[in-house]
C-alpha atoms as a PDB file:
ATOM      1  CA  MET A   1      35.884 -65.291 -29.002  1.00  0.00           C
ATOM      2  CA  ARG A   2      34.715 -65.205 -25.406  1.00  0.00           C
ATOM      3  CA  GLU A   3      32.131 -67.890 -26.125  1.00  0.00           C
ATOM      4  CA  LEU A   4      34.716 -70.178 -27.753  1.00  0.00           C
ATOM      5  CA  VAL A   5      37.188 -69.804 -24.874  1.00  0.00           C
ATOM      6  CA  GLU A   6      34.455 -70.424 -22.299  1.00  0.00           C
ATOM      7  CA  TYR A   7      33.273 -73.482 -24.238  1.00  0.00           C
ATOM      8  CA  ALA A   8      36.802 -74.912 -24.544  1.00  0.00           C
ATOM      9  CA  GLY A   9      37.371 -74.390 -20.818  1.00  0.00           C
ATOM     10  CA  GLU A  10      34.155 -76.142 -19.885  1.00  0.00           C
ATOM     11  CA  VAL A  11      34.699 -79.079 -22.243  1.00  0.00           C
ATOM     12  CA  SER A  12      38.312 -79.582 -21.195  1.00  0.00           C
ATOM     13  CA  GLY A  13      37.424 -79.386 -17.506  1.00  0.00           C
ATOM     14  CA  HIS A  14      39.499 -76.224 -17.039  1.00  0.00           C
ATOM     15  CA  PRO A  15      37.027 -73.341 -16.832  1.00  0.00           C
ATOM     16  CA  ARG A  16      38.676 -69.962 -16.418  1.00  0.00           C
ATOM     17  CA  ARG A  17      37.536 -66.456 -15.705  1.00  0.00           C
ATOM     18  CA  ILE A  18      37.774 -64.309 -18.812  1.00  0.00           C
ATOM     19  CA  TRP A  19      38.535 -60.629 -18.523  1.00  0.00           C
ATOM     20  CA  GLY A  20      37.314 -58.606 -21.464  1.00  0.00           C
ATOM     21  CA  LEU A  21      39.549 -55.707 -22.396  1.00  0.00           C
ATOM     22  CA  GLY A  22      38.219 -52.505 -23.845  1.00  0.00           C
ATOM     23  CA  ASP A  23      39.347 -51.229 -27.215  1.00  0.00           C
ATOM     24  CA  GLY A  24      42.160 -49.093 -25.820  1.00  0.00           C
ATOM     25  CA  LEU A  25      43.684 -51.837 -23.662  1.00  0.00           C
ATOM     26  CA  SER A  26      43.378 -54.366 -26.485  1.00  0.00           C
ATOM     27  CA  ARG A  27      45.223 -52.005 -28.814  1.00  0.00           C
ATOM     28  CA  LEU A  28      47.933 -51.458 -26.188  1.00  0.00           C
ATOM     29  CA  GLN A  29      48.205 -55.203 -25.604  1.00  0.00           C
ATOM     30  CA  GLY A  30      48.795 -55.727 -29.321  1.00  0.00           C
ATOM     31  CA  ARG A  31      51.495 -53.080 -29.437  1.00  0.00           C
ATOM     32  CA  ILE A  32      53.340 -54.424 -26.368  1.00  0.00           C
ATOM     33  CA  LEU A  33      53.011 -58.161 -26.991  1.00  0.00           C
ATOM     34  CA  GLY A  34      53.931 -57.654 -30.638  1.00  0.00           C
ATOM     35  CA  ARG A  35      57.428 -56.665 -29.497  1.00  0.00           C
ATOM     36  CA  LEU A  36      58.024 -59.868 -27.535  1.00  0.00           C
ATOM     37  CA  PRO A  37      59.902 -62.827 -29.013  1.00  0.00           C
ATOM     38  CA  GLY A  38      57.491 -65.023 -30.922  1.00  0.00           C
ATOM     39  CA  GLN A  39      54.823 -62.286 -30.958  1.00  0.00           C
ATOM     40  CA  PRO A  40      52.155 -64.042 -28.853  1.00  0.00           C
ATOM     41  CA  TYR A  41      49.734 -61.299 -29.946  1.00  0.00           C
ATOM     42  CA  SER A  42      50.335 -58.393 -32.273  1.00  0.00           C
ATOM     43  CA  TYR A  43      48.737 -55.145 -33.318  1.00  0.00           C
ATOM     44  CA  ASP A  44      47.810 -56.880 -36.569  1.00  0.00           C
ATOM     45  CA  ASN A  45      45.985 -59.556 -34.514  1.00  0.00           C
ATOM     46  CA  TYR A  46      44.113 -56.745 -32.770  1.00  0.00           C
ATOM     47  CA  LEU A  47      43.120 -55.183 -36.092  1.00  0.00           C
ATOM     48  CA  SER A  48      41.972 -58.556 -37.434  1.00  0.00           C
ATOM     49  CA  ALA A  49      39.822 -59.083 -34.340  1.00  0.00           C
ATOM     50  CA  THR A  50      37.962 -55.822 -34.992  1.00  0.00           C
ATOM     51  CA  VAL A  51      36.551 -57.068 -38.316  1.00  0.00           C
ATOM     52  CA  ASP A  52      33.848 -59.705 -38.705  1.00  0.00           C
ATOM     53  CA  ASN A  53      35.311 -62.840 -40.259  1.00  0.00           C
ATOM     54  CA  VAL A  54      32.201 -64.724 -41.255  1.00  0.00           C
ATOM     55  CA  CYS A  55      30.568 -64.838 -44.663  1.00  0.00           C
ATOM     56  CA  THR A  56      26.913 -64.468 -45.489  1.00  0.00           C
ATOM     57  CA  HIS A  57      26.863 -67.333 -48.005  1.00  0.00           C
ATOM     58  CA  ASN A  58      27.590 -70.909 -46.925  1.00  0.00           C
ATOM     59  CA  ALA A  59      29.395 -72.395 -49.945  1.00  0.00           C
ATOM     60  CA  LEU A  60      30.384 -75.662 -48.235  1.00  0.00           C
ATOM     61  CA  PRO A  61      27.538 -77.723 -49.751  1.00  0.00           C
ATOM     62  CA  GLU A  62      28.507 -76.457 -53.218  1.00  0.00           C
ATOM     63  CA  LEU A  63      32.009 -77.811 -52.580  1.00  0.00           C
ATOM     64  CA  GLY A  64      30.695 -81.155 -51.393  1.00  0.00           C
ATOM     65  CA  ILE A  65      31.714 -80.487 -47.789  1.00  0.00           C
ATOM     66  CA  GLU A  66      29.397 -81.490 -44.981  1.00  0.00           C
ATOM     67  CA  PRO A  67      30.195 -79.402 -41.894  1.00  0.00           C
ATOM     68  CA  THR A  68      30.817 -81.177 -38.600  1.00  0.00           C
ATOM     69  CA  GLY A  69      29.387 -79.566 -35.488  1.00  0.00           C
ATOM     70  CA  ILE A  70      31.740 -78.164 -32.871  1.00  0.00           C
ATOM     71  CA  ASP A  71      30.120 -80.368 -30.216  1.00  0.00           C
ATOM     72  CA  THR A  72      31.249 -83.431 -32.193  1.00  0.00           C
ATOM     73  CA  VAL A  73      34.906 -82.491 -32.670  1.00  0.00           C
ATOM     74  CA  VAL A  74      36.017 -80.322 -29.762  1.00  0.00           C
ATOM     75  CA  PRO A  75      35.329 -82.702 -26.838  1.00  0.00           C
ATOM     76  CA  GLN A  76      37.362 -85.463 -28.477  1.00  0.00           C
ATOM     77  CA  TYR A  77      40.194 -83.101 -29.412  1.00  0.00           C
ATOM     78  CA  LEU A  78      40.484 -81.439 -26.006  1.00  0.00           C
ATOM     79  CA  ARG A  79      40.681 -84.781 -24.233  1.00  0.00           C
ATOM     80  CA  LEU A  80      43.786 -85.756 -26.212  1.00  0.00           C
ATOM     81  CA  THR A  81      47.197 -85.147 -24.725  1.00  0.00           C
ATOM     82  CA  ARG A  82      49.402 -82.556 -26.384  1.00  0.00           C
ATOM     83  CA  ALA A  83      51.609 -85.307 -27.842  1.00  0.00           C
ATOM     84  CA  GLU A  84      48.569 -87.058 -29.351  1.00  0.00           C
ATOM     85  CA  ARG A  85      47.334 -83.795 -30.922  1.00  0.00           C
ATOM     86  CA  MET A  86      50.778 -83.145 -32.405  1.00  0.00           C
ATOM     87  CA  ARG A  87      50.986 -86.690 -33.797  1.00  0.00           C
ATOM     88  CA  ARG A  88      47.541 -86.435 -35.370  1.00  0.00           C
ATOM     89  CA  GLY A  89      48.394 -83.048 -36.868  1.00  0.00           C
ATOM     90  CA  ARG A  90      51.575 -84.394 -38.434  1.00  0.00           C
ATOM     91  CA  THR A  91      49.774 -87.477 -39.739  1.00  0.00           C
ATOM     92  CA  SER A  92      46.966 -85.464 -41.332  1.00  0.00           C
ATOM     93  CA  ALA A  93      49.592 -83.221 -42.953  1.00  0.00           C
ATOM     94  CA  GLY A  94      51.222 -86.280 -44.485  1.00  0.00           C
ATOM     95  CA  ALA A  95      54.311 -86.313 -42.261  1.00  0.00           C
ATOM     96  CA  THR A  96      55.049 -89.565 -40.477  1.00  0.00           C
ATOM     97  CA  GLY A  97      58.429 -88.698 -39.078  1.00  0.00           C
ATOM     98  CA  ASN A  98      60.150 -91.286 -41.280  1.00  0.00           C
ATOM     99  CA  LYS A  99      63.278 -90.158 -43.066  1.00  0.00           C
ATOM    100  CA  SER A 100      62.038 -92.048 -46.107  1.00  0.00           C
ATOM    101  CA  ASP A 101      59.247 -89.470 -46.380  1.00  0.00           C
ATOM    102  CA  ALA A 102      61.739 -86.646 -46.816  1.00  0.00           C
ATOM    103  CA  ASP A 103      61.914 -84.817 -50.104  1.00  0.00           C
ATOM    104  CA  PRO A 104      64.681 -86.557 -52.097  1.00  0.00           C
ATOM    105  CA  THR A 105      65.705 -83.230 -53.595  1.00  0.00           C
ATOM    106  CA  MET A 106      66.530 -81.846 -50.148  1.00  0.00           C
ATOM    107  CA  ASP A 107      70.102 -82.046 -48.902  1.00  0.00           C
ATOM    108  CA  GLN A 108      70.079 -84.471 -45.944  1.00  0.00           C
ATOM    109  CA  ARG A 109      73.285 -84.025 -44.000  1.00  0.00           C
END
């Protein structure tokens, strides 16, 4: 995680100092922040971070997916404004913001 945060900071032009927390402080952080509105970080997040989340078998080629390197995608993405990222996310999800795209079975009051 540290490497990804450092990379994103460098690419975006906003490098930051990263303070690594030990296991005990990370656990405490999860317990405390998990009680805040919106749960910015939870104990469950802490537990998930303690387990490797990579596989040993790359099945992407079997699925016909050609991976794109992080150096290709991240610099372009981080240079977008927040509004542009939101618009692209909605577009790729199939939402255009038009009322005509709404589900006709939904009650539109």
